[in-house]
Amino acid sequence: MGRAASHITLECALQTHPNITIIGEEVAAKKSTQKNVTDYIVDVICKRSISGYNYVVILIPEGLIDFIPEVQQLIAELNEILAHEFIDEEGLWKKKLVPQSLELFEFLPRRFKNN
């Protein structure tokens, strides 16, 4: 879909009025972290639940994760390691990640880390 994903998401939001719409360029401009985005979604869900609405409609553009600065940094570091290093099964290669990237990597689900 390319960079048009956020434009399509925004147009869909204008037509359907979801409870949450996340736009990739806005996430990047605010330098939001994965935790910021997740906390925002959780806060809306909790507030709606308290009000008796046990559902939320969320529009998220394809490729949103690519707009999160900390994820961009992790991907850049992983690309550099994969290009020049041997990936050992013991995980010693992880020591080459900066602490913030290592924390994010360890937070990812196992199925993402193994691929």
PDB file of N, CA and C in Angstrom:
ATOM      1  N   MET A   1       0.815  -1.180   0.000  1.00  0.00           N
ATOM      2  CA  MET A   1       0.000   0.000   0.000  1.00  0.00           C
ATOM      3  C   MET A   1       0.868   1.257   0.000  1.00  0.00           C
ATOM      4  N   GLY A   2       2.072   1.163   0.502  1.00  0.00           N
ATOM      5  CA  GLY A   2       2.974   2.312   0.504  1.00  0.00           C
ATOM      6  C   GLY A   2       2.555   3.373   1.506  1.00  0.00           C
ATOM      7  N   ARG A   3       2.986   4.592   1.279  1.00  0.00           N
ATOM      8  CA  ARG A   3       2.697   5.694   2.187  1.00  0.00           C
ATOM      9  C   ARG A   3       1.234   6.126   2.144  1.00  0.00           C
ATOM     10  N   ALA A   4       0.462   5.640   1.194  1.00  0.00           N
ATOM     11  CA  ALA A   4      -0.943   5.998   1.091  1.00  0.00           C
ATOM     12  C   ALA A   4      -1.779   5.349   2.195  1.00  0.00           C
ATOM     13  N   ALA A   5      -1.210   4.420   2.943  1.00  0.00           N
ATOM     14  CA  ALA A   5      -1.976   3.705   3.965  1.00  0.00           C
ATOM     15  C   ALA A   5      -2.590   4.660   4.984  1.00  0.00           C
ATOM     16  N   SER A   6      -1.825   5.651   5.434  1.00  0.00           N
ATOM     17  CA  SER A   6      -2.366   6.602   6.410  1.00  0.00           C
ATOM     18  C   SER A   6      -3.440   7.475   5.783  1.00  0.00           C
ATOM     19  N   HIS A   7      -3.284   7.813   4.511  1.00  0.00           N
ATOM     20  CA  HIS A   7      -4.308   8.608   3.835  1.00  0.00           C
ATOM     21  C   HIS A   7      -5.618   7.822   3.727  1.00  0.00           C
ATOM     22  N   ILE A   8      -5.508   6.560   3.405  1.00  0.00           N
ATOM     23  CA  ILE A   8      -6.697   5.707   3.320  1.00  0.00           C
ATOM     24  C   ILE A   8      -7.333   5.549   4.691  1.00  0.00           C
ATOM     25  N   THR A   9      -6.501   5.366   5.722  1.00  0.00           N
ATOM     26  CA  THR A   9      -7.007   5.242   7.091  1.00  0.00           C
ATOM     27  C   THR A   9      -7.746   6.508   7.501  1.00  0.00           C
ATOM     28  N   LEU A  10      -7.175   7.655   7.198  1.00  0.00           N
ATOM     29  CA  LEU A  10      -7.816   8.921   7.546  1.00  0.00           C
ATOM     30  C   LEU A  10      -9.146   9.092   6.812  1.00  0.00           C
ATOM     31  N   GLU A  11      -9.168   8.780   5.539  1.00  0.00           N
ATOM     32  CA  GLU A  11     -10.417   8.890   4.775  1.00  0.00           C
ATOM     33  C   GLU A  11     -11.477   7.938   5.333  1.00  0.00           C
ATOM     34  N   CYS A  12     -11.088   6.725   5.681  1.00  0.00           N
ATOM     35  CA  CYS A  12     -12.026   5.773   6.292  1.00  0.00           C
ATOM     36  C   CYS A  12     -12.551   6.314   7.623  1.00  0.00           C
ATOM     37  N   ALA A  13     -11.662   6.936   8.393  1.00  0.00           N
ATOM     38  CA  ALA A  13     -12.072   7.499   9.684  1.00  0.00           C
ATOM     39  C   ALA A  13     -13.080   8.628   9.495  1.00  0.00           C
ATOM     40  N   LEU A  14     -12.854   9.458   8.498  1.00  0.00           N
ATOM     41  CA  LEU A  14     -13.793  10.556   8.233  1.00  0.00           C
ATOM     42  C   LEU A  14     -15.168  10.024   7.828  1.00  0.00           C
ATOM     43  N   GLN A  15     -15.179   8.881   7.185  1.00  0.00           N
ATOM     44  CA  GLN A  15     -16.443   8.292   6.732  1.00  0.00           C
ATOM     45  C   GLN A  15     -17.147   7.468   7.817  1.00  0.00           C
ATOM     46  N   THR A  16     -16.375   6.856   8.718  1.00  0.00           N
ATOM     47  CA  THR A  16     -16.965   5.892   9.652  1.00  0.00           C
ATOM     48  C   THR A  16     -16.957   6.322  11.119  1.00  0.00           C
ATOM     49  N   HIS A  17     -16.149   7.301  11.488  1.00  0.00           N
ATOM     50  CA  HIS A  17     -16.084   7.827  12.859  1.00  0.00           C
ATOM     51  C   HIS A  17     -15.752   6.758  13.901  1.00  0.00           C
ATOM     52  N   PRO A  18     -14.593   6.105  13.771  1.00  0.00           N
ATOM     53  CA  PRO A  18     -14.205   5.100  14.771  1.00  0.00           C
ATOM     54  C   PRO A  18     -13.839   5.783  16.091  1.00  0.00           C
ATOM     55  N   ASN A  19     -13.655   4.973  17.122  1.00  0.00           N
ATOM     56  CA  ASN A  19     -13.269   5.514  18.424  1.00  0.00           C
ATOM     57  C   ASN A  19     -11.817   5.964  18.445  1.00  0.00           C
ATOM     58  N   ILE A  20     -10.977   5.274  17.704  1.00  0.00           N
ATOM     59  CA  ILE A  20      -9.542   5.605  17.634  1.00  0.00           C
ATOM     60  C   ILE A  20      -9.103   5.489  16.186  1.00  0.00           C
ATOM     61  N   THR A  21      -8.339   6.474  15.746  1.00  0.00           N
ATOM     62  CA  THR A  21      -7.667   6.388  14.452  1.00  0.00           C
ATOM     63  C   THR A  21      -6.217   6.759  14.700  1.00  0.00           C
ATOM     64  N   ILE A  22      -5.313   5.904  14.284  1.00  0.00           N
ATOM     65  CA  ILE A  22      -3.888   6.173  14.452  1.00  0.00           C
ATOM     66  C   ILE A  22      -3.301   6.413  13.067  1.00  0.00           C
ATOM     67  N   ILE A  23      -2.595   7.527  12.939  1.00  0.00           N
ATOM     68  CA  ILE A  23      -1.990   7.912  11.669  1.00  0.00           C
ATOM     69  C   ILE A  23      -0.470   7.820  11.818  1.00  0.00           C
ATOM     70  N   GLY A  24       0.161   7.089  10.913  1.00  0.00           N
ATOM     71  CA  GLY A  24       1.601   6.846  11.009  1.00  0.00           C
ATOM     72  C   GLY A  24       2.429   8.115  11.057  1.00  0.00           C
ATOM     73  N   GLU A  25       2.125   9.073  10.203  1.00  0.00           N
ATOM     74  CA  GLU A  25       2.907  10.316  10.167  1.00  0.00           C
ATOM     75  C   GLU A  25       2.792  11.092  11.483  1.00  0.00           C
ATOM     76  N   GLU A  26       1.634  11.005  12.125  1.00  0.00           N
ATOM     77  CA  GLU A  26       1.445  11.671  13.411  1.00  0.00           C
ATOM     78  C   GLU A  26       2.283  10.979  14.497  1.00  0.00           C
ATOM     79  N   VAL A  27       2.313   9.671  14.454  1.00  0.00           N
ATOM     80  CA  VAL A  27       3.132   8.901  15.403  1.00  0.00           C
ATOM     81  C   VAL A  27       4.602   9.294  15.248  1.00  0.00           C
ATOM     82  N   ALA A  28       5.060   9.388  13.999  1.00  0.00           N
ATOM     83  CA  ALA A  28       6.452   9.763  13.731  1.00  0.00           C
ATOM     84  C   ALA A  28       6.738  11.195  14.171  1.00  0.00           C
ATOM     85  N   ALA A  29       5.818  12.114  13.880  1.00  0.00           N
ATOM     86  CA  ALA A  29       6.025  13.526  14.228  1.00  0.00           C
ATOM     87  C   ALA A  29       6.108  13.725  15.740  1.00  0.00           C
ATOM     88  N   LYS A  30       5.317  12.963  16.478  1.00  0.00           N
ATOM     89  CA  LYS A  30       5.317  13.056  17.945  1.00  0.00           C
ATOM     90  C   LYS A  30       6.436  12.231  18.577  1.00  0.00           C
ATOM     91  N   LYS A  31       7.153  11.458  17.739  1.00  0.00           N
ATOM     92  CA  LYS A  31       8.183  10.540  18.219  1.00  0.00           C
ATOM     93  C   LYS A  31       7.623   9.588  19.286  1.00  0.00           C
ATOM     94  N   SER A  32       6.422   9.108  19.020  1.00  0.00           N
ATOM     95  CA  SER A  32       5.758   8.187  19.947  1.00  0.00           C
ATOM     96  C   SER A  32       6.488   6.847  19.979  1.00  0.00           C
ATOM     97  N   THR A  33       6.522   6.258  21.150  1.00  0.00           N
ATOM     98  CA  THR A  33       7.110   4.930  21.303  1.00  0.00           C
ATOM     99  C   THR A  33       6.003   3.893  21.165  1.00  0.00           C
ATOM    100  N   GLN A  34       6.410   2.644  21.062  1.00  0.00           N
ATOM    101  CA  GLN A  34       5.428   1.570  21.001  1.00  0.00           C
ATOM    102  C   GLN A  34       4.567   1.594  22.255  1.00  0.00           C
ATOM    103  N   LYS A  35       5.189   1.869  23.386  1.00  0.00           N
ATOM    104  CA  LYS A  35       4.458   1.938  24.652  1.00  0.00           C
ATOM    105  C   LYS A  35       3.459   3.093  24.633  1.00  0.00           C
ATOM    106  N   ASN A  36       3.840   4.256  24.088  1.00  0.00           N
ATOM    107  CA  ASN A  36       2.913   5.394  24.002  1.00  0.00           C
ATOM    108  C   ASN A  36       1.656   5.018  23.219  1.00  0.00           C
ATOM    109  N   VAL A  37       1.863   4.401  22.064  1.00  0.00           N
ATOM    110  CA  VAL A  37       0.737   4.025  21.204  1.00  0.00           C
ATOM    111  C   VAL A  37      -0.144   2.996  21.915  1.00  0.00           C
ATOM    112  N   THR A  38       0.486   2.000  22.508  1.00  0.00           N
ATOM    113  CA  THR A  38      -0.263   0.955  23.217  1.00  0.00           C
ATOM    114  C   THR A  38      -1.019   1.531  24.406  1.00  0.00           C
ATOM    115  N   ASP A  39      -0.355   2.386  25.190  1.00  0.00           N
ATOM    116  CA  ASP A  39      -1.014   2.992  26.357  1.00  0.00           C
ATOM    117  C   ASP A  39      -2.220   3.836  25.947  1.00  0.00           C
ATOM    118  N   TYR A  40      -2.087   4.567  24.837  1.00  0.00           N
ATOM    119  CA  TYR A  40      -3.202   5.380  24.351  1.00  0.00           C
ATOM    120  C   TYR A  40      -4.411   4.494  24.032  1.00  0.00           C
ATOM    121  N   ILE A  41      -4.170   3.409  23.329  1.00  0.00           N
ATOM    122  CA  ILE A  41      -5.256   2.493  22.966  1.00  0.00           C
ATOM    123  C   ILE A  41      -5.885   1.897  24.225  1.00  0.00           C
ATOM    124  N   VAL A  42      -5.056   1.454  25.155  1.00  0.00           N
ATOM    125  CA  VAL A  42      -5.556   0.851  26.397  1.00  0.00           C
ATOM    126  C   VAL A  42      -6.371   1.868  27.199  1.00  0.00           C
ATOM    127  N   ASP A  43      -5.909   3.120  27.266  1.00  0.00           N
ATOM    128  CA  ASP A  43      -6.645   4.152  28.001  1.00  0.00           C
ATOM    129  C   ASP A  43      -8.044   4.367  27.428  1.00  0.00           C
ATOM    130  N   VAL A  44      -8.140   4.426  26.108  1.00  0.00           N
ATOM    131  CA  VAL A  44      -9.446   4.609  25.472  1.00  0.00           C
ATOM    132  C   VAL A  44     -10.341   3.409  25.759  1.00  0.00           C
ATOM    133  N   ILE A  45      -9.792   2.212  25.645  1.00  0.00           N
ATOM    134  CA  ILE A  45     -10.570   0.999  25.917  1.00  0.00           C
ATOM    135  C   ILE A  45     -11.094   1.014  27.356  1.00  0.00           C
ATOM    136  N   CYS A  46     -10.228   1.355  28.304  1.00  0.00           N
ATOM    137  CA  CYS A  46     -10.631   1.380  29.723  1.00  0.00           C
ATOM    138  C   CYS A  46     -11.701   2.440  29.986  1.00  0.00           C
ATOM    139  N   LYS A  47     -11.523   3.635  29.431  1.00  0.00           N
ATOM    140  CA  LYS A  47     -12.513   4.704  29.632  1.00  0.00           C
ATOM    141  C   LYS A  47     -13.866   4.325  29.050  1.00  0.00           C
ATOM    142  N   ARG A  48     -13.858   3.697  27.886  1.00  0.00           N
ATOM    143  CA  ARG A  48     -15.119   3.274  27.280  1.00  0.00           C
ATOM    144  C   ARG A  48     -15.770   2.160  28.102  1.00  0.00           C
ATOM    145  N   SER A  49     -14.964   1.265  28.624  1.00  0.00           N
ATOM    146  CA  SER A  49     -15.502   0.174  29.437  1.00  0.00           C
ATOM    147  C   SER A  49     -16.165   0.719  30.700  1.00  0.00           C
ATOM    148  N   ILE A  50     -15.538   1.689  31.323  1.00  0.00           N
ATOM    149  CA  ILE A  50     -16.115   2.310  32.520  1.00  0.00           C
ATOM    150  C   ILE A  50     -17.473   2.940  32.199  1.00  0.00           C
ATOM    151  N   SER A  51     -17.594   3.464  30.985  1.00  0.00           N
ATOM    152  CA  SER A  51     -18.848   4.093  30.550  1.00  0.00           C
ATOM    153  C   SER A  51     -19.877   3.072  30.053  1.00  0.00           C
ATOM    154  N   GLY A  52     -19.527   1.784  30.124  1.00  0.00           N
ATOM    155  CA  GLY A  52     -20.457   0.743  29.720  1.00  0.00           C
ATOM    156  C   GLY A  52     -20.355   0.308  28.269  1.00  0.00           C
ATOM    157  N   TYR A  53     -19.363   0.835  27.568  1.00  0.00           N
ATOM    158  CA  TYR A  53     -19.145   0.440  26.172  1.00  0.00           C
ATOM    159  C   TYR A  53     -18.001  -0.572  26.133  1.00  0.00           C
ATOM    160  N   ASN A  54     -18.333  -1.830  25.996  1.00  0.00           N
ATOM    161  CA  ASN A  54     -17.320  -2.878  26.032  1.00  0.00           C
ATOM    162  C   ASN A  54     -16.847  -3.255  24.639  1.00  0.00           C
ATOM    163  N   TYR A  55     -16.643  -2.262  23.818  1.00  0.00           N
ATOM    164  CA  TYR A  55     -16.104  -2.449  22.474  1.00  0.00           C
ATOM    165  C   TYR A  55     -15.422  -1.144  22.047  1.00  0.00           C
ATOM    166  N   VAL A  56     -14.520  -1.272  21.117  1.00  0.00           N
ATOM    167  CA  VAL A  56     -13.825  -0.112  20.553  1.00  0.00           C
ATOM    168  C   VAL A  56     -13.549  -0.419  19.090  1.00  0.00           C
ATOM    169  N   VAL A  57     -13.766   0.564  18.248  1.00  0.00           N
ATOM    170  CA  VAL A  57     -13.419   0.435  16.840  1.00  0.00           C
ATOM    171  C   VAL A  57     -12.141   1.245  16.631  1.00  0.00           C
ATOM    172  N   ILE A  58     -11.107   0.573  16.134  1.00  0.00           N
ATOM    173  CA  ILE A  58      -9.796   1.207  15.952  1.00  0.00           C
ATOM    174  C   ILE A  58      -9.379   1.051  14.494  1.00  0.00           C
ATOM    175  N   LEU A  59      -8.945   2.148  13.891  1.00  0.00           N
ATOM    176  CA  LEU A  59      -8.365   2.090  12.546  1.00  0.00           C
ATOM    177  C   LEU A  59      -6.869   2.327  12.663  1.00  0.00           C
ATOM    178  N   ILE A  60      -6.111   1.365  12.159  1.00  0.00           N
ATOM    179  CA  ILE A  60      -4.646   1.426  12.197  1.00  0.00           C
ATOM    180  C   ILE A  60      -4.142   1.183  10.785  1.00  0.00           C
ATOM    181  N   PRO A  61      -3.300   2.081  10.267  1.00  0.00           N
ATOM    182  CA  PRO A  61      -2.809   1.879   8.903  1.00  0.00           C
ATOM    183  C   PRO A  61      -1.806   0.736   8.823  1.00  0.00           C
ATOM    184  N   GLU A  62      -1.804   0.091   7.683  1.00  0.00           N
ATOM    185  CA  GLU A  62      -0.802  -0.930   7.419  1.00  0.00           C
ATOM    186  C   GLU A  62       0.583  -0.295   7.551  1.00  0.00           C
ATOM    187  N   GLY A  63       1.495  -0.987   8.195  1.00  0.00           N
ATOM    188  CA  GLY A  63       2.861  -0.497   8.315  1.00  0.00           C
ATOM    189  C   GLY A  63       3.059   0.550   9.393  1.00  0.00           C
ATOM    190  N   LEU A  64       2.109   0.681  10.321  1.00  0.00           N
ATOM    191  CA  LEU A  64       2.238   1.676  11.386  1.00  0.00           C
ATOM    192  C   LEU A  64       3.554   1.524  12.133  1.00  0.00           C
ATOM    193  N   ILE A  65       3.944   0.303  12.377  1.00  0.00           N
ATOM    194  CA  ILE A  65       5.146   0.056  13.176  1.00  0.00           C
ATOM    195  C   ILE A  65       6.389   0.698  12.554  1.00  0.00           C
ATOM    196  N   ASP A  66       6.390   0.859  11.240  1.00  0.00           N
ATOM    197  CA  ASP A  66       7.530   1.488  10.561  1.00  0.00           C
ATOM    198  C   ASP A  66       7.669   2.973  10.893  1.00  0.00           C
ATOM    199  N   PHE A  67       6.632   3.586  11.435  1.00  0.00           N
ATOM    200  CA  PHE A  67       6.674   5.002  11.782  1.00  0.00           C
ATOM    201  C   PHE A  67       7.154   5.248  13.210  1.00  0.00           C
ATOM    202  N   ILE A  68       7.276   4.201  14.002  1.00  0.00           N
ATOM    203  CA  ILE A  68       7.691   4.358  15.401  1.00  0.00           C
ATOM    204  C   ILE A  68       9.209   4.455  15.439  1.00  0.00           C
ATOM    205  N   PRO A  69       9.749   5.617  15.892  1.00  0.00           N
ATOM    206  CA  PRO A  69      11.199   5.845  15.842  1.00  0.00           C
ATOM    207  C   PRO A  69      12.034   4.753  16.510  1.00  0.00           C
ATOM    208  N   GLU A  70      11.613   4.250  17.664  1.00  0.00           N
ATOM    209  CA  GLU A  70      12.402   3.227  18.348  1.00  0.00           C
ATOM    210  C   GLU A  70      12.441   1.930  17.554  1.00  0.00           C
ATOM    211  N   VAL A  71      11.379   1.646  16.826  1.00  0.00           N
ATOM    212  CA  VAL A  71      11.346   0.455  15.978  1.00  0.00           C
ATOM    213  C   VAL A  71      12.269   0.649  14.780  1.00  0.00           C
ATOM    214  N   GLN A  72      12.268   1.854  14.211  1.00  0.00           N
ATOM    215  CA  GLN A  72      13.172   2.155  13.104  1.00  0.00           C
ATOM    216  C   GLN A  72      14.621   1.950  13.528  1.00  0.00           C
ATOM    217  N   GLN A  73      14.945   2.396  14.745  1.00  0.00           N
ATOM    218  CA  GLN A  73      16.310   2.226  15.241  1.00  0.00           C
ATOM    219  C   GLN A  73      16.645   0.751  15.432  1.00  0.00           C
ATOM    220  N   LEU A  74      15.724  -0.003  16.014  1.00  0.00           N
ATOM    221  CA  LEU A  74      15.956  -1.439  16.208  1.00  0.00           C
ATOM    222  C   LEU A  74      16.174  -2.130  14.873  1.00  0.00           C
ATOM    223  N   ILE A  75      15.364  -1.826  13.882  1.00  0.00           N
ATOM    224  CA  ILE A  75      15.510  -2.443  12.563  1.00  0.00           C
ATOM    225  C   ILE A  75      16.861  -2.092  11.952  1.00  0.00           C
ATOM    226  N   ALA A  76      17.280  -0.834  12.081  1.00  0.00           N
ATOM    227  CA  ALA A  76      18.579  -0.416  11.540  1.00  0.00           C
ATOM    228  C   ALA A  76      19.712  -1.181  12.223  1.00  0.00           C
ATOM    229  N   GLU A  77      19.631  -1.318  13.548  1.00  0.00           N
ATOM    230  CA  GLU A  77      20.668  -2.050  14.272  1.00  0.00           C
ATOM    231  C   GLU A  77      20.678  -3.525  13.888  1.00  0.00           C
ATOM    232  N   LEU A  78      19.504  -4.127  13.780  1.00  0.00           N
ATOM    233  CA  LEU A  78      19.428  -5.536  13.381  1.00  0.00           C
ATOM    234  C   LEU A  78      19.976  -5.739  11.973  1.00  0.00           C
ATOM    235  N   ASN A  79      19.659  -4.834  11.069  1.00  0.00           N
ATOM    236  CA  ASN A  79      20.189  -4.930   9.703  1.00  0.00           C
ATOM    237  C   ASN A  79      21.710  -4.869   9.698  1.00  0.00           C
ATOM    238  N   GLU A  80      22.271  -3.997  10.499  1.00  0.00           N
ATOM    239  CA  GLU A  80      23.724  -3.861  10.577  1.00  0.00           C
ATOM    240  C   GLU A  80      24.354  -5.133  11.146  1.00  0.00           C
ATOM    241  N   ILE A  81      23.754  -5.668  12.199  1.00  0.00           N
ATOM    242  CA  ILE A  81      24.269  -6.898  12.804  1.00  0.00           C
ATOM    243  C   ILE A  81      24.164  -8.066  11.824  1.00  0.00           C
ATOM    244  N   LEU A  82      23.020  -8.192  11.173  1.00  0.00           N
ATOM    245  CA  LEU A  82      22.820  -9.297  10.228  1.00  0.00           C
ATOM    246  C   LEU A  82      23.750  -9.196   9.024  1.00  0.00           C
ATOM    247  N   ALA A  83      24.115  -7.991   8.649  1.00  0.00           N
ATOM    248  CA  ALA A  83      24.991  -7.804   7.492  1.00  0.00           C
ATOM    249  C   ALA A  83      26.443  -8.169   7.805  1.00  0.00           C
ATOM    250  N   HIS A  84      26.845  -8.027   9.085  1.00  0.00           N
ATOM    251  CA  HIS A  84      28.270  -8.184   9.408  1.00  0.00           C
ATOM    252  C   HIS A  84      28.597  -9.228  10.460  1.00  0.00           C
ATOM    253  N   GLU A  85      27.593  -9.777  11.098  1.00  0.00           N
ATOM    254  CA  GLU A  85      27.861 -10.669  12.224  1.00  0.00           C
ATOM    255  C   GLU A  85      27.214 -12.033  12.017  1.00  0.00           C
ATOM    256  N   PHE A  86      27.740 -12.985  12.734  1.00  0.00           N
ATOM    257  CA  PHE A  86      27.141 -14.311  12.817  1.00  0.00           C
ATOM    258  C   PHE A  86      26.146 -14.275  13.973  1.00  0.00           C
ATOM    259  N   ILE A  87      24.939 -14.756  13.759  1.00  0.00           N
ATOM    260  CA  ILE A  87      23.914 -14.769  14.809  1.00  0.00           C
ATOM    261  C   ILE A  87      24.021 -16.096  15.556  1.00  0.00           C
ATOM    262  N   ASP A  88      24.519 -16.024  16.765  1.00  0.00           N
ATOM    263  CA  ASP A  88      24.694 -17.223  17.579  1.00  0.00           C
ATOM    264  C   ASP A  88      23.404 -17.549  18.325  1.00  0.00           C
ATOM    265  N   GLU A  89      23.196 -18.825  18.578  1.00  0.00           N
ATOM    266  CA  GLU A  89      21.977 -19.265  19.249  1.00  0.00           C
ATOM    267  C   GLU A  89      21.945 -18.865  20.720  1.00  0.00           C
ATOM    268  N   GLU A  90      23.093 -18.576  21.292  1.00  0.00           N
ATOM    269  CA  GLU A  90      23.145 -18.176  22.702  1.00  0.00           C
ATOM    270  C   GLU A  90      22.694 -16.735  22.883  1.00  0.00           C
ATOM    271  N   GLY A  91      22.645 -15.971  21.815  1.00  0.00           N
ATOM    272  CA  GLY A  91      22.182 -14.591  21.887  1.00  0.00           C
ATOM    273  C   GLY A  91      23.240 -13.576  22.242  1.00  0.00           C
ATOM    274  N   LEU A  92      24.519 -13.941  22.097  1.00  0.00           N
ATOM    275  CA  LEU A  92      25.577 -12.981  22.400  1.00  0.00           C
ATOM    276  C   LEU A  92      25.532 -11.767  21.476  1.00  0.00           C
ATOM    277  N   TRP A  93      24.983 -11.947  20.273  1.00  0.00           N
ATOM    278  CA  TRP A  93      24.874 -10.842  19.322  1.00  0.00           C
ATOM    279  C   TRP A  93      24.019  -9.703  19.869  1.00  0.00           C
ATOM    280  N   LYS A  94      23.117 -10.019  20.799  1.00  0.00           N
ATOM    281  CA  LYS A  94      22.225  -9.000  21.356  1.00  0.00           C
ATOM    282  C   LYS A  94      22.987  -7.913  22.111  1.00  0.00           C
ATOM    283  N   LYS A  95      24.214  -8.233  22.563  1.00  0.00           N
ATOM    284  CA  LYS A  95      25.017  -7.253  23.284  1.00  0.00           C
ATOM    285  C   LYS A  95      25.406  -6.078  22.402  1.00  0.00           C
ATOM    286  N   LYS A  96      25.256  -6.230  21.101  1.00  0.00           N
ATOM    287  CA  LYS A  96      25.588  -5.152  20.170  1.00  0.00           C
ATOM    288  C   LYS A  96      24.444  -4.145  20.025  1.00  0.00           C
ATOM    289  N   LEU A  97      23.272  -4.469  20.552  1.00  0.00           N
ATOM    290  CA  LEU A  97      22.137  -3.546  20.524  1.00  0.00           C
ATOM    291  C   LEU A  97      22.262  -2.528  21.654  1.00  0.00           C
ATOM    292  N   VAL A  98      21.848  -1.290  21.397  1.00  0.00           N
ATOM    293  CA  VAL A  98      21.815  -0.299  22.477  1.00  0.00           C
ATOM    294  C   VAL A  98      20.727  -0.732  23.456  1.00  0.00           C
ATOM    295  N   PRO A  99      20.813  -0.314  24.723  1.00  0.00           N
ATOM    296  CA  PRO A  99      19.854  -0.793  25.729  1.00  0.00           C
ATOM    297  C   PRO A  99      18.381  -0.609  25.341  1.00  0.00           C
ATOM    298  N   GLN A 100      18.025   0.529  24.750  1.00  0.00           N
ATOM    299  CA  GLN A 100      16.631   0.770  24.364  1.00  0.00           C
ATOM    300  C   GLN A 100      16.187  -0.237  23.297  1.00  0.00           C
ATOM    301  N   SER A 101      17.052  -0.531  22.346  1.00  0.00           N
ATOM    302  CA  SER A 101      16.709  -1.485  21.292  1.00  0.00           C
ATOM    303  C   SER A 101      16.611  -2.896  21.851  1.00  0.00           C
ATOM    304  N   LEU A 102      17.508  -3.241  22.753  1.00  0.00           N
ATOM    305  CA  LEU A 102      17.458  -4.567  23.369  1.00  0.00           C
ATOM    306  C   LEU A 102      16.170  -4.738  24.169  1.00  0.00           C
ATOM    307  N   GLU A 103      15.774  -3.711  24.898  1.00  0.00           N
ATOM    308  CA  GLU A 103      14.534  -3.772  25.676  1.00  0.00           C
ATOM    309  C   GLU A 103      13.333  -3.974  24.749  1.00  0.00           C
ATOM    310  N   LEU A 104      13.296  -3.239  23.654  1.00  0.00           N
ATOM    311  CA  LEU A 104      12.202  -3.387  22.697  1.00  0.00           C
ATOM    312  C   LEU A 104      12.224  -4.776  22.063  1.00  0.00           C
ATOM    313  N   PHE A 105      13.409  -5.252  21.688  1.00  0.00           N
ATOM    314  CA  PHE A 105      13.533  -6.575  21.089  1.00  0.00           C
ATOM    315  C   PHE A 105      13.016  -7.653  22.046  1.00  0.00           C
ATOM    316  N   GLU A 106      13.388  -7.559  23.310  1.00  0.00           N
ATOM    317  CA  GLU A 106      12.968  -8.559  24.293  1.00  0.00           C
ATOM    318  C   GLU A 106      11.464  -8.493  24.545  1.00  0.00           C
ATOM    319  N   PHE A 107      10.852  -7.323  24.317  1.00  0.00           N
ATOM    320  CA  PHE A 107       9.416  -7.149  24.507  1.00  0.00           C
ATOM    321  C   PHE A 107       8.603  -7.805  23.393  1.00  0.00           C
ATOM    322  N   LEU A 108       9.211  -7.974  22.221  1.00  0.00           N
ATOM    323  CA  LEU A 108       8.502  -8.527  21.071  1.00  0.00           C
ATOM    324  C   LEU A 108       8.092  -9.982  21.327  1.00  0.00           C
ATOM    325  N   PRO A 109       6.973 -10.410  20.755  1.00  0.00           N
ATOM    326  CA  PRO A 109       6.570 -11.812  20.890  1.00  0.00           C
ATOM    327  C   PRO A 109       7.620 -12.746  20.291  1.00  0.00           C
ATOM    328  N   ARG A 110       7.723 -13.932  20.820  1.00  0.00           N
ATOM    329  CA  ARG A 110       8.721 -14.916  20.408  1.00  0.00           C
ATOM    330  C   ARG A 110       8.684 -15.178  18.904  1.00  0.00           C
ATOM    331  N   ARG A 111       7.489 -15.254  18.330  1.00  0.00           N
ATOM    332  CA  ARG A 111       7.388 -15.581  16.894  1.00  0.00           C
ATOM    333  C   ARG A 111       8.040 -14.511  16.027  1.00  0.00           C
ATOM    334  N   PHE A 112       8.057 -13.260  16.473  1.00  0.00           N
ATOM    335  CA  PHE A 112       8.731 -12.204  15.712  1.00  0.00           C
ATOM    336  C   PHE A 112      10.237 -12.311  15.877  1.00  0.00           C
ATOM    337  N   LYS A 113      10.675 -12.596  17.074  1.00  0.00           N
ATOM    338  CA  LYS A 113      12.117 -12.681  17.342  1.00  0.00           C
ATOM    339  C   LYS A 113      12.757 -13.854  16.634  1.00  0.00           C
ATOM    340  N   ASN A 114      12.017 -14.926  16.444  1.00  0.00           N
ATOM    341  CA  ASN A 114      12.588 -16.122  15.816  1.00  0.00           C
ATOM    342  C   ASN A 114      12.644 -16.028  14.303  1.00  0.00           C
ATOM    343  N   ASN A 115      11.940 -15.087  13.713  1.00  0.00           N
ATOM    344  CA  ASN A 115      11.948 -14.949  12.257  1.00  0.00           C
ATOM    345  C   ASN A 115      13.010 -13.985  11.890  1.00  0.00           C
TER     346      ASN A 115
END
